[in-house]
N, C-alpha and C. Protein backbone atom coordinates (compact mmCIF):
# COMPACT_ATOMS: atom_id res chain seq x y z
N MET A 1 37.04 -5.92 87.42
CA MET A 1 37.41 -5.86 86.02
C MET A 1 36.60 -6.85 85.20
N LYS A 2 36.48 -8.07 85.74
CA LYS A 2 35.70 -9.08 85.04
C LYS A 2 34.26 -8.65 84.89
N GLN A 3 33.73 -8.00 85.96
CA GLN A 3 32.34 -7.54 85.90
C GLN A 3 32.20 -6.47 84.83
N GLY A 4 33.21 -5.56 84.73
CA GLY A 4 33.14 -4.52 83.71
C GLY A 4 33.19 -5.11 82.32
N MET A 5 34.08 -6.10 82.15
CA MET A 5 34.18 -6.75 80.84
C MET A 5 32.89 -7.47 80.48
N GLY A 6 32.24 -8.03 81.50
CA GLY A 6 30.96 -8.71 81.25
C GLY A 6 29.92 -7.74 80.78
N LYS A 7 29.90 -6.56 81.43
CA LYS A 7 28.92 -5.54 81.02
C LYS A 7 29.17 -5.09 79.59
N VAL A 8 30.48 -4.94 79.27
CA VAL A 8 30.83 -4.53 77.90
C VAL A 8 30.38 -5.58 76.89
N ALA A 9 30.61 -6.85 77.24
CA ALA A 9 30.22 -7.94 76.34
C ALA A 9 28.72 -7.98 76.14
N VAL A 10 27.99 -7.81 77.27
CA VAL A 10 26.52 -7.80 77.17
C VAL A 10 26.06 -6.63 76.33
N GLY A 11 26.70 -5.45 76.57
CA GLY A 11 26.32 -4.27 75.79
C GLY A 11 26.59 -4.46 74.32
N ALA A 12 27.75 -5.06 74.01
CA ALA A 12 28.09 -5.31 72.61
C ALA A 12 27.10 -6.29 71.98
N ALA A 13 26.72 -7.30 72.76
CA ALA A 13 25.76 -8.28 72.24
C ALA A 13 24.41 -7.64 71.96
N VAL A 14 24.01 -6.76 72.91
CA VAL A 14 22.72 -6.07 72.72
C VAL A 14 22.76 -5.18 71.49
N ILE A 15 23.88 -4.44 71.37
CA ILE A 15 24.02 -3.56 70.20
C ILE A 15 24.04 -4.38 68.91
N GLY A 16 24.78 -5.52 68.94
CA GLY A 16 24.83 -6.38 67.75
C GLY A 16 23.46 -6.92 67.40
N ALA A 17 22.73 -7.36 68.43
CA ALA A 17 21.38 -7.89 68.19
C ALA A 17 20.48 -6.82 67.63
N ALA A 18 20.61 -5.61 68.17
CA ALA A 18 19.79 -4.50 67.68
C ALA A 18 20.11 -4.19 66.23
N ALA A 19 21.43 -4.26 65.91
CA ALA A 19 21.84 -4.00 64.53
C ALA A 19 21.26 -5.05 63.58
N VAL A 20 21.31 -6.31 64.02
CA VAL A 20 20.75 -7.39 63.19
C VAL A 20 19.26 -7.20 62.98
N VAL A 21 18.56 -6.84 64.09
CA VAL A 21 17.12 -6.60 63.99
C VAL A 21 16.85 -5.45 63.04
N GLY A 22 17.68 -4.40 63.14
CA GLY A 22 17.48 -3.24 62.26
C GLY A 22 17.70 -3.59 60.81
N VAL A 23 18.77 -4.32 60.53
CA VAL A 23 19.05 -4.73 59.15
C VAL A 23 17.95 -5.64 58.62
N THR A 24 17.52 -6.58 59.48
CA THR A 24 16.44 -7.48 59.06
C THR A 24 15.18 -6.71 58.73
N ALA A 25 14.84 -5.74 59.58
CA ALA A 25 13.65 -4.93 59.33
C ALA A 25 13.78 -4.16 58.03
N LEU A 26 15.00 -3.65 57.77
CA LEU A 26 15.23 -2.90 56.53
C LEU A 26 15.07 -3.79 55.32
N VAL A 27 15.62 -5.02 55.41
CA VAL A 27 15.50 -5.97 54.30
C VAL A 27 14.05 -6.34 54.06
N VAL A 28 13.31 -6.57 55.16
CA VAL A 28 11.89 -6.93 55.04
C VAL A 28 11.11 -5.80 54.38
N ARG A 29 11.38 -4.56 54.85
CA ARG A 29 10.67 -3.41 54.26
C ARG A 29 11.00 -3.26 52.78
N GLN A 30 12.30 -3.48 52.44
CA GLN A 30 12.72 -3.35 51.04
C GLN A 30 12.04 -4.41 50.18
N ARG A 31 11.97 -5.64 50.72
CA ARG A 31 11.32 -6.72 49.97
C ARG A 31 9.84 -6.45 49.79
N MET A 32 9.21 -5.93 50.86
CA MET A 32 7.80 -5.60 50.75
C MET A 32 7.59 -4.50 49.72
N LYS A 33 8.53 -3.54 49.74
CA LYS A 33 8.44 -2.44 48.77
C LYS A 33 8.62 -2.96 47.35
N ASN A 34 9.64 -3.83 47.16
CA ASN A 34 9.87 -4.42 45.84
C ASN A 34 8.69 -5.28 45.42
N SER A 35 8.13 -6.03 46.39
CA SER A 35 6.97 -6.87 46.10
C SER A 35 5.79 -6.02 45.66
N SER A 36 5.62 -4.89 46.32
CA SER A 36 4.53 -3.98 45.96
C SER A 36 4.75 -3.42 44.56
N ARG A 37 5.99 -3.05 44.26
CA ARG A 37 6.29 -2.54 42.92
C ARG A 37 6.06 -3.61 41.87
N TRP A 38 6.49 -4.84 42.20
CA TRP A 38 6.31 -5.95 41.26
C TRP A 38 4.83 -6.20 41.00
N ALA A 39 4.03 -6.16 42.06
CA ALA A 39 2.59 -6.38 41.90
C ALA A 39 1.97 -5.30 41.02
N ARG A 40 2.39 -4.05 41.24
CA ARG A 40 1.86 -2.96 40.41
C ARG A 40 2.30 -3.10 38.95
N ALA A 41 3.56 -3.50 38.77
CA ALA A 41 4.06 -3.69 37.40
C ALA A 41 3.30 -4.79 36.68
N MET A 42 3.05 -5.90 37.39
CA MET A 42 2.31 -7.00 36.79
C MET A 42 0.88 -6.60 36.47
N ALA A 43 0.29 -5.78 37.34
CA ALA A 43 -1.07 -5.31 37.09
C ALA A 43 -1.12 -4.44 35.84
N ILE A 44 -0.10 -3.59 35.66
CA ILE A 44 -0.04 -2.74 34.47
C ILE A 44 0.13 -3.59 33.21
N LEU A 45 1.01 -4.59 33.29
CA LEU A 45 1.23 -5.47 32.14
C LEU A 45 -0.03 -6.25 31.79
N LYS A 46 -0.74 -6.71 32.80
CA LYS A 46 -1.97 -7.46 32.56
C LYS A 46 -3.01 -6.58 31.88
N GLU A 47 -3.13 -5.33 32.35
CA GLU A 47 -4.07 -4.40 31.74
C GLU A 47 -3.68 -4.11 30.29
N PHE A 48 -2.38 -3.94 30.05
CA PHE A 48 -1.89 -3.68 28.70
C PHE A 48 -2.17 -4.87 27.79
N GLU A 49 -1.95 -6.09 28.31
CA GLU A 49 -2.20 -7.30 27.53
C GLU A 49 -3.67 -7.42 27.16
N GLU A 50 -4.54 -7.13 28.12
CA GLU A 50 -5.97 -7.24 27.86
C GLU A 50 -6.43 -6.22 26.81
N LYS A 51 -5.86 -5.01 26.86
CA LYS A 51 -6.25 -3.99 25.90
C LYS A 51 -5.72 -4.28 24.50
N CYS A 52 -4.57 -4.98 24.43
CA CYS A 52 -3.97 -5.29 23.13
C CYS A 52 -4.53 -6.58 22.53
N ALA A 53 -5.14 -7.42 23.33
CA ALA A 53 -5.63 -8.71 22.85
C ALA A 53 -6.76 -8.51 21.85
N THR A 54 -6.69 -9.30 20.76
CA THR A 54 -7.75 -9.26 19.75
C THR A 54 -8.85 -10.24 20.15
N PRO A 55 -10.10 -9.80 20.20
CA PRO A 55 -11.19 -10.70 20.57
C PRO A 55 -11.29 -11.89 19.63
N ASP A 56 -11.70 -13.04 20.15
CA ASP A 56 -11.83 -14.24 19.33
C ASP A 56 -12.77 -14.02 18.15
N ALA A 57 -13.84 -13.28 18.38
CA ALA A 57 -14.80 -13.03 17.30
C ALA A 57 -14.15 -12.29 16.15
N LYS A 58 -13.30 -11.32 16.48
CA LYS A 58 -12.60 -10.56 15.44
C LYS A 58 -11.61 -11.45 14.68
N LEU A 59 -10.92 -12.33 15.40
CA LEU A 59 -10.00 -13.25 14.75
C LEU A 59 -10.73 -14.18 13.79
N ARG A 60 -11.92 -14.63 14.17
CA ARG A 60 -12.70 -15.49 13.27
C ARG A 60 -13.12 -14.72 12.03
N GLN A 61 -13.48 -13.45 12.20
CA GLN A 61 -13.85 -12.62 11.05
C GLN A 61 -12.67 -12.47 10.09
N VAL A 62 -11.49 -12.25 10.64
CA VAL A 62 -10.29 -12.11 9.80
C VAL A 62 -10.02 -13.42 9.06
N ALA A 63 -10.12 -14.55 9.76
CA ALA A 63 -9.88 -15.85 9.13
C ALA A 63 -10.89 -16.12 8.03
N ASP A 64 -12.16 -15.82 8.28
CA ASP A 64 -13.20 -16.03 7.27
C ASP A 64 -12.96 -15.14 6.05
N ALA A 65 -12.58 -13.88 6.30
CA ALA A 65 -12.32 -12.96 5.19
C ALA A 65 -11.13 -13.43 4.35
N MET A 66 -10.10 -13.94 5.01
CA MET A 66 -8.94 -14.45 4.28
C MET A 66 -9.31 -15.67 3.46
N THR A 67 -10.16 -16.54 4.00
CA THR A 67 -10.60 -17.72 3.26
C THR A 67 -11.33 -17.33 1.99
N VAL A 68 -12.22 -16.33 2.11
CA VAL A 68 -12.97 -15.85 0.94
C VAL A 68 -12.01 -15.30 -0.12
N GLU A 69 -11.04 -14.48 0.31
CA GLU A 69 -10.08 -13.89 -0.62
C GLU A 69 -9.20 -14.96 -1.27
N MET A 70 -8.83 -15.99 -0.51
CA MET A 70 -8.00 -17.06 -1.05
C MET A 70 -8.75 -17.83 -2.13
N HIS A 71 -10.00 -18.16 -1.87
CA HIS A 71 -10.80 -18.87 -2.87
C HIS A 71 -10.99 -18.01 -4.12
N ALA A 72 -11.21 -16.71 -3.92
CA ALA A 72 -11.39 -15.81 -5.07
C ALA A 72 -10.10 -15.71 -5.88
N GLY A 73 -8.97 -15.66 -5.19
CA GLY A 73 -7.70 -15.59 -5.89
C GLY A 73 -7.37 -16.84 -6.67
N LEU A 74 -7.79 -18.00 -6.17
CA LEU A 74 -7.56 -19.25 -6.88
C LEU A 74 -8.55 -19.43 -8.03
N ALA A 75 -9.73 -18.82 -7.91
CA ALA A 75 -10.76 -18.98 -8.94
C ALA A 75 -10.39 -18.25 -10.22
N SER A 76 -9.76 -17.08 -10.11
CA SER A 76 -9.41 -16.31 -11.30
C SER A 76 -8.21 -15.42 -11.00
N GLU A 77 -7.39 -15.20 -12.00
CA GLU A 77 -6.21 -14.35 -11.83
C GLU A 77 -6.64 -12.90 -11.62
N GLY A 78 -6.15 -12.29 -10.57
CA GLY A 78 -6.52 -10.92 -10.26
C GLY A 78 -7.87 -10.78 -9.59
N GLY A 79 -8.46 -11.90 -9.20
CA GLY A 79 -9.78 -11.86 -8.59
C GLY A 79 -9.76 -11.58 -7.10
N SER A 80 -8.58 -11.38 -6.53
CA SER A 80 -8.47 -11.14 -5.10
C SER A 80 -7.29 -10.23 -4.81
N LYS A 81 -7.33 -9.58 -3.65
CA LYS A 81 -6.20 -8.77 -3.22
C LYS A 81 -5.03 -9.65 -2.78
N LEU A 82 -5.34 -10.91 -2.46
CA LEU A 82 -4.29 -11.86 -2.09
C LEU A 82 -3.77 -12.55 -3.35
N LYS A 83 -2.46 -12.55 -3.52
CA LYS A 83 -1.87 -13.24 -4.67
C LYS A 83 -1.85 -14.74 -4.37
N MET A 84 -2.54 -15.50 -5.20
CA MET A 84 -2.65 -16.93 -4.98
C MET A 84 -2.08 -17.69 -6.17
N LEU A 85 -1.40 -18.80 -5.88
CA LEU A 85 -0.85 -19.67 -6.91
C LEU A 85 -1.31 -21.09 -6.64
N ILE A 86 -1.69 -21.78 -7.69
CA ILE A 86 -2.15 -23.16 -7.55
C ILE A 86 -0.97 -24.06 -7.20
N SER A 87 -1.18 -24.95 -6.25
CA SER A 87 -0.17 -25.93 -5.87
C SER A 87 -0.75 -27.32 -6.09
N TYR A 88 -0.02 -28.13 -6.82
CA TYR A 88 -0.52 -29.46 -7.16
C TYR A 88 -0.22 -30.45 -6.04
N VAL A 89 -0.82 -30.22 -4.91
CA VAL A 89 -0.66 -31.12 -3.76
C VAL A 89 -1.87 -32.05 -3.72
N ASP A 90 -1.62 -33.34 -3.85
CA ASP A 90 -2.74 -34.29 -3.92
C ASP A 90 -2.97 -35.02 -2.60
N SER A 91 -2.13 -34.77 -1.60
CA SER A 91 -2.35 -35.40 -0.30
C SER A 91 -1.68 -34.56 0.78
N LEU A 92 -2.19 -34.66 1.98
CA LEU A 92 -1.67 -33.91 3.12
C LEU A 92 -1.26 -34.87 4.23
N PRO A 93 -0.30 -34.48 5.07
CA PRO A 93 0.09 -35.34 6.20
C PRO A 93 -1.09 -35.58 7.14
N THR A 94 -1.11 -36.76 7.73
CA THR A 94 -2.19 -37.11 8.66
C THR A 94 -1.75 -37.00 10.12
N GLY A 95 -0.44 -36.96 10.35
CA GLY A 95 0.07 -36.96 11.72
C GLY A 95 0.40 -38.35 12.22
N ASN A 96 0.07 -39.37 11.42
CA ASN A 96 0.36 -40.75 11.80
C ASN A 96 1.64 -41.28 11.17
N GLU A 97 2.36 -40.43 10.45
CA GLU A 97 3.55 -40.87 9.73
C GLU A 97 4.63 -41.38 10.68
N GLU A 98 5.27 -42.47 10.29
CA GLU A 98 6.37 -43.04 11.07
C GLU A 98 7.54 -43.33 10.15
N GLY A 99 8.75 -43.24 10.71
CA GLY A 99 9.94 -43.52 9.93
C GLY A 99 10.70 -42.26 9.58
N ALA A 100 11.67 -42.41 8.68
CA ALA A 100 12.53 -41.29 8.29
C ALA A 100 11.98 -40.60 7.06
N PHE A 101 12.00 -39.28 7.09
CA PHE A 101 11.55 -38.47 5.97
C PHE A 101 12.58 -37.38 5.71
N TYR A 102 12.62 -36.92 4.47
CA TYR A 102 13.60 -35.90 4.08
C TYR A 102 12.89 -34.64 3.61
N ALA A 103 13.59 -33.52 3.77
CA ALA A 103 13.07 -32.24 3.29
C ALA A 103 14.21 -31.46 2.67
N LEU A 104 13.89 -30.74 1.61
CA LEU A 104 14.87 -29.90 0.93
C LEU A 104 14.32 -28.48 0.86
N ASP A 105 15.07 -27.54 1.42
CA ASP A 105 14.65 -26.13 1.44
C ASP A 105 15.64 -25.33 0.61
N LEU A 106 15.20 -24.87 -0.55
CA LEU A 106 16.07 -24.12 -1.47
C LEU A 106 15.81 -22.64 -1.31
N GLY A 107 16.85 -21.91 -0.87
CA GLY A 107 16.72 -20.47 -0.69
C GLY A 107 17.46 -19.70 -1.77
N GLY A 108 17.99 -18.53 -1.40
CA GLY A 108 18.64 -17.69 -2.39
C GLY A 108 20.06 -18.11 -2.71
N THR A 109 20.91 -18.24 -1.70
CA THR A 109 22.32 -18.56 -1.93
C THR A 109 22.73 -19.89 -1.30
N ASN A 110 21.79 -20.58 -0.69
CA ASN A 110 22.10 -21.87 -0.09
C ASN A 110 20.84 -22.71 -0.01
N PHE A 111 21.02 -23.96 0.34
CA PHE A 111 19.86 -24.83 0.57
C PHE A 111 20.17 -25.74 1.74
N ARG A 112 19.11 -26.23 2.38
CA ARG A 112 19.25 -27.12 3.52
C ARG A 112 18.57 -28.44 3.22
N VAL A 113 19.21 -29.51 3.67
CA VAL A 113 18.63 -30.85 3.58
C VAL A 113 18.38 -31.33 5.00
N LEU A 114 17.18 -31.78 5.24
CA LEU A 114 16.77 -32.19 6.59
C LEU A 114 16.34 -33.64 6.59
N ARG A 115 16.75 -34.36 7.63
CA ARG A 115 16.29 -35.73 7.83
C ARG A 115 15.61 -35.78 9.19
N VAL A 116 14.40 -36.29 9.23
CA VAL A 116 13.65 -36.31 10.48
C VAL A 116 13.04 -37.69 10.69
N GLN A 117 13.11 -38.14 11.92
CA GLN A 117 12.52 -39.42 12.31
C GLN A 117 11.21 -39.13 13.02
N LEU A 118 10.11 -39.62 12.47
CA LEU A 118 8.79 -39.40 13.04
C LEU A 118 8.31 -40.64 13.77
N GLY A 119 7.63 -40.41 14.88
CA GLY A 119 7.15 -41.53 15.70
C GLY A 119 5.65 -41.69 15.71
N GLY A 120 4.97 -41.16 14.70
CA GLY A 120 3.53 -41.32 14.64
C GLY A 120 2.78 -40.31 15.48
N LYS A 121 1.52 -40.60 15.73
CA LYS A 121 0.63 -39.68 16.43
C LYS A 121 1.14 -39.33 17.83
N THR A 122 1.64 -40.32 18.53
CA THR A 122 2.07 -40.08 19.92
C THR A 122 3.57 -39.83 20.04
N GLY A 123 4.34 -40.30 19.06
CA GLY A 123 5.79 -40.17 19.16
C GLY A 123 6.33 -38.82 18.74
N GLY A 124 5.63 -38.14 17.82
CA GLY A 124 6.09 -36.84 17.35
C GLY A 124 7.42 -36.95 16.63
N ILE A 125 8.24 -35.90 16.76
CA ILE A 125 9.57 -35.89 16.16
C ILE A 125 10.55 -36.58 17.11
N VAL A 126 11.06 -37.72 16.68
CA VAL A 126 11.98 -38.49 17.51
C VAL A 126 13.39 -37.93 17.41
N HIS A 127 13.80 -37.60 16.21
CA HIS A 127 15.16 -37.09 15.99
C HIS A 127 15.19 -36.36 14.66
N GLN A 128 16.06 -35.34 14.57
CA GLN A 128 16.23 -34.65 13.30
C GLN A 128 17.64 -34.10 13.18
N GLU A 129 18.09 -33.96 11.97
CA GLU A 129 19.40 -33.40 11.69
C GLU A 129 19.37 -32.80 10.29
N PHE A 130 20.27 -31.85 10.05
CA PHE A 130 20.26 -31.20 8.74
C PHE A 130 21.67 -30.82 8.33
N ALA A 131 21.82 -30.55 7.04
CA ALA A 131 23.07 -30.04 6.49
C ALA A 131 22.74 -28.83 5.62
N GLU A 132 23.56 -27.79 5.75
CA GLU A 132 23.36 -26.58 4.95
C GLU A 132 24.48 -26.49 3.92
N VAL A 133 24.09 -26.24 2.67
CA VAL A 133 25.05 -26.23 1.57
C VAL A 133 24.97 -24.91 0.82
N SER A 134 26.12 -24.29 0.59
CA SER A 134 26.16 -23.04 -0.18
C SER A 134 26.10 -23.36 -1.67
N ILE A 135 25.43 -22.51 -2.42
CA ILE A 135 25.33 -22.68 -3.86
C ILE A 135 26.41 -21.83 -4.53
N PRO A 136 27.29 -22.42 -5.33
CA PRO A 136 28.33 -21.64 -6.01
C PRO A 136 27.72 -20.55 -6.89
N PRO A 137 28.33 -19.35 -6.91
CA PRO A 137 27.79 -18.25 -7.72
C PRO A 137 27.59 -18.61 -9.18
N ALA A 138 28.48 -19.45 -9.73
CA ALA A 138 28.36 -19.82 -11.14
C ALA A 138 27.05 -20.56 -11.41
N LEU A 139 26.61 -21.36 -10.44
CA LEU A 139 25.37 -22.10 -10.62
C LEU A 139 24.15 -21.19 -10.48
N MET A 140 24.30 -20.10 -9.73
CA MET A 140 23.18 -19.18 -9.55
C MET A 140 22.82 -18.49 -10.86
N SER A 141 23.80 -18.32 -11.73
CA SER A 141 23.54 -17.65 -13.01
C SER A 141 23.61 -18.61 -14.18
N GLY A 142 23.69 -19.92 -13.88
CA GLY A 142 23.77 -20.91 -14.93
C GLY A 142 22.42 -21.50 -15.28
N THR A 143 22.44 -22.71 -15.80
CA THR A 143 21.21 -23.37 -16.21
C THR A 143 20.56 -24.07 -15.02
N SER A 144 19.27 -24.30 -15.14
CA SER A 144 18.56 -25.00 -14.06
C SER A 144 19.03 -26.44 -13.96
N ASP A 145 19.40 -27.05 -15.09
CA ASP A 145 19.89 -28.43 -15.06
C ASP A 145 21.16 -28.53 -14.22
N ALA A 146 22.09 -27.59 -14.40
CA ALA A 146 23.34 -27.62 -13.64
C ALA A 146 23.07 -27.40 -12.15
N LEU A 147 22.15 -26.49 -11.85
CA LEU A 147 21.82 -26.20 -10.46
C LEU A 147 21.23 -27.42 -9.77
N PHE A 148 20.26 -28.05 -10.42
CA PHE A 148 19.59 -29.19 -9.79
C PHE A 148 20.47 -30.43 -9.78
N ASP A 149 21.38 -30.55 -10.74
CA ASP A 149 22.34 -31.66 -10.68
C ASP A 149 23.21 -31.53 -9.44
N TYR A 150 23.61 -30.31 -9.12
CA TYR A 150 24.42 -30.04 -7.93
C TYR A 150 23.63 -30.35 -6.67
N ILE A 151 22.38 -29.92 -6.64
CA ILE A 151 21.53 -30.18 -5.47
C ILE A 151 21.33 -31.67 -5.26
N VAL A 152 21.06 -32.39 -6.35
CA VAL A 152 20.85 -33.84 -6.25
C VAL A 152 22.11 -34.54 -5.77
N GLU A 153 23.27 -34.07 -6.23
CA GLU A 153 24.54 -34.66 -5.79
C GLU A 153 24.73 -34.52 -4.29
N LYS A 154 24.48 -33.32 -3.77
CA LYS A 154 24.63 -33.09 -2.33
C LYS A 154 23.56 -33.84 -1.53
N LEU A 155 22.36 -33.91 -2.08
CA LEU A 155 21.28 -34.65 -1.42
C LEU A 155 21.62 -36.13 -1.33
N ALA A 156 22.17 -36.68 -2.42
CA ALA A 156 22.54 -38.10 -2.43
C ALA A 156 23.62 -38.39 -1.38
N SER A 157 24.57 -37.46 -1.22
CA SER A 157 25.62 -37.64 -0.21
C SER A 157 25.03 -37.63 1.19
N PHE A 158 24.07 -36.75 1.41
CA PHE A 158 23.42 -36.67 2.72
C PHE A 158 22.64 -37.94 3.03
N VAL A 159 21.92 -38.45 2.04
CA VAL A 159 21.13 -39.67 2.23
C VAL A 159 22.05 -40.86 2.47
N ALA A 160 23.20 -40.88 1.78
CA ALA A 160 24.13 -42.00 1.91
C ALA A 160 24.71 -42.08 3.32
N GLU A 161 24.73 -40.96 4.03
CA GLU A 161 25.27 -40.93 5.39
C GLU A 161 24.21 -41.29 6.43
N GLU A 162 23.10 -41.83 5.97
CA GLU A 162 21.99 -42.15 6.87
C GLU A 162 22.46 -43.05 8.01
N GLU A 163 22.15 -42.64 9.23
CA GLU A 163 22.59 -43.39 10.40
C GLU A 163 21.75 -44.66 10.57
N GLN A 164 22.25 -45.54 11.40
CA GLN A 164 21.60 -46.82 11.60
C GLN A 164 20.16 -46.67 12.06
N ARG A 165 19.89 -45.69 12.93
CA ARG A 165 18.53 -45.54 13.47
C ARG A 165 17.55 -45.00 12.43
N PHE A 166 18.09 -44.53 11.29
CA PHE A 166 17.20 -44.00 10.26
C PHE A 166 16.92 -45.01 9.15
N ASN A 167 17.51 -46.17 9.24
CA ASN A 167 17.34 -47.15 8.16
C ASN A 167 15.87 -47.48 7.93
N GLN A 168 15.52 -47.56 6.66
CA GLN A 168 14.15 -47.85 6.26
C GLN A 168 14.03 -49.31 5.82
N PRO A 169 12.81 -49.84 5.83
CA PRO A 169 12.62 -51.18 5.27
C PRO A 169 13.08 -51.21 3.81
N PRO A 170 13.63 -52.33 3.36
CA PRO A 170 14.16 -52.41 1.99
C PRO A 170 13.14 -52.04 0.91
N ASP A 171 11.88 -52.34 1.14
CA ASP A 171 10.87 -52.11 0.12
C ASP A 171 10.22 -50.73 0.22
N ARG A 172 10.69 -49.89 1.15
CA ARG A 172 10.07 -48.58 1.31
C ARG A 172 10.88 -47.51 0.58
N GLN A 173 10.18 -46.73 -0.22
CA GLN A 173 10.82 -45.64 -0.95
C GLN A 173 10.99 -44.42 -0.04
N LYS A 174 12.14 -43.78 -0.12
CA LYS A 174 12.37 -42.58 0.68
C LYS A 174 11.51 -41.44 0.15
N GLU A 175 10.98 -40.65 1.09
CA GLU A 175 10.09 -39.55 0.72
C GLU A 175 10.74 -38.22 1.03
N LEU A 176 10.56 -37.27 0.10
CA LEU A 176 11.21 -35.96 0.21
C LEU A 176 10.19 -34.85 0.00
N GLY A 177 10.20 -33.88 0.93
CA GLY A 177 9.39 -32.68 0.76
C GLY A 177 10.29 -31.56 0.25
N PHE A 178 9.78 -30.74 -0.66
CA PHE A 178 10.59 -29.71 -1.31
C PHE A 178 9.94 -28.34 -1.16
N THR A 179 10.68 -27.38 -0.61
CA THR A 179 10.19 -26.00 -0.52
C THR A 179 11.12 -25.11 -1.33
N PHE A 180 10.51 -24.14 -2.00
CA PHE A 180 11.24 -23.24 -2.88
C PHE A 180 10.88 -21.82 -2.49
N SER A 181 11.89 -21.00 -2.18
CA SER A 181 11.64 -19.68 -1.60
C SER A 181 11.35 -18.59 -2.63
N PHE A 182 10.73 -18.95 -3.72
CA PHE A 182 10.36 -17.98 -4.74
C PHE A 182 8.98 -18.34 -5.27
N PRO A 183 8.20 -17.34 -5.70
CA PRO A 183 6.88 -17.65 -6.27
C PRO A 183 7.02 -18.39 -7.60
N VAL A 184 6.27 -19.47 -7.74
CA VAL A 184 6.35 -20.30 -8.94
C VAL A 184 4.94 -20.54 -9.47
N MET A 185 4.76 -20.29 -10.75
CA MET A 185 3.50 -20.62 -11.41
C MET A 185 3.62 -22.04 -11.93
N GLN A 186 3.01 -22.98 -11.18
CA GLN A 186 3.09 -24.38 -11.58
C GLN A 186 2.13 -24.67 -12.72
N THR A 187 2.63 -25.43 -13.69
CA THR A 187 1.79 -25.86 -14.81
C THR A 187 1.45 -27.34 -14.71
N SER A 188 2.14 -28.05 -13.84
CA SER A 188 1.83 -29.45 -13.58
C SER A 188 2.50 -29.81 -12.25
N LEU A 189 2.46 -31.09 -11.91
CA LEU A 189 3.04 -31.52 -10.64
C LEU A 189 4.54 -31.29 -10.58
N ASN A 190 5.22 -31.40 -11.73
CA ASN A 190 6.69 -31.33 -11.73
C ASN A 190 7.27 -30.24 -12.62
N THR A 191 6.47 -29.28 -13.07
CA THR A 191 7.01 -28.18 -13.87
C THR A 191 6.38 -26.87 -13.43
N GLY A 192 7.11 -25.79 -13.64
CA GLY A 192 6.60 -24.47 -13.29
C GLY A 192 7.54 -23.39 -13.75
N THR A 193 7.13 -22.14 -13.63
CA THR A 193 7.93 -21.00 -14.05
C THR A 193 8.06 -20.02 -12.90
N ILE A 194 9.30 -19.62 -12.60
CA ILE A 194 9.53 -18.63 -11.56
C ILE A 194 8.96 -17.30 -12.02
N ILE A 195 8.25 -16.61 -11.14
CA ILE A 195 7.67 -15.32 -11.49
C ILE A 195 8.16 -14.25 -10.52
N GLY A 196 8.02 -13.00 -10.94
CA GLY A 196 8.37 -11.90 -10.06
C GLY A 196 9.80 -11.44 -10.17
N GLY A 197 10.62 -12.08 -11.02
CA GLY A 197 12.01 -11.68 -11.19
C GLY A 197 12.20 -10.88 -12.46
N ARG A 198 13.47 -10.63 -12.79
CA ARG A 198 13.76 -9.88 -14.00
C ARG A 198 13.49 -10.69 -15.25
N ARG A 199 13.58 -11.99 -15.11
CA ARG A 199 13.28 -12.86 -16.23
C ARG A 199 12.66 -14.13 -15.70
N ALA A 200 12.02 -14.88 -16.55
CA ALA A 200 11.37 -16.12 -16.15
C ALA A 200 12.26 -17.30 -16.53
N PHE A 201 12.34 -18.29 -15.65
CA PHE A 201 13.13 -19.47 -15.89
C PHE A 201 12.21 -20.68 -15.88
N LEU A 202 12.50 -21.63 -16.74
CA LEU A 202 11.79 -22.89 -16.68
C LEU A 202 12.34 -23.67 -15.50
N LEU A 203 11.48 -24.08 -14.59
CA LEU A 203 11.92 -24.77 -13.38
C LEU A 203 11.41 -26.20 -13.41
N VAL A 204 12.31 -27.14 -13.40
CA VAL A 204 11.94 -28.55 -13.34
C VAL A 204 12.03 -28.98 -11.88
N MET A 205 10.90 -29.22 -11.25
CA MET A 205 10.87 -29.56 -9.83
C MET A 205 11.40 -30.96 -9.61
N LEU A 206 11.93 -31.19 -8.38
CA LEU A 206 12.40 -32.53 -8.03
C LEU A 206 11.23 -33.48 -7.92
């Protein structure tokens, strides 16, 4: 009886081992099959990417053509297919800026105030935070003075909450960048007229 049970055990072990080998072979074949499919898929994607890629020479041509059109549009009104507006920017960032800076982004129904800590050429953006404020409907159809008084009030509250790590030297003036999501015909550094709407408004920039 013991001998018979031993034979059964050996037979079961052999069958089990064969089953494991069979399953392993199936898994290996499936993985090889999937790997082959993956390789073919990647080859197709690579070919598609290469066919869709714009040659560097063509990109340079597009950039040069845009530069020509931009200069023409700034030289005379209607002198280019690109609509260009003069911006009274007298200086550009160098990338070496350090300390806290503010930005105000005025959109259609809300505006955002951003505070960012810059670490210079190597530090990049150290920290940033922002607050988003809804503009009351009454101010949207009111005077520009009322609108900007509201914006300045919210901006002052945001600046007053400046955290310890954002503190500036006492003699340093806080700097603010301002973006406006509408086309504006500027007549000077701090005045301009909104264009493209149903009516024109006198806009006093911050």
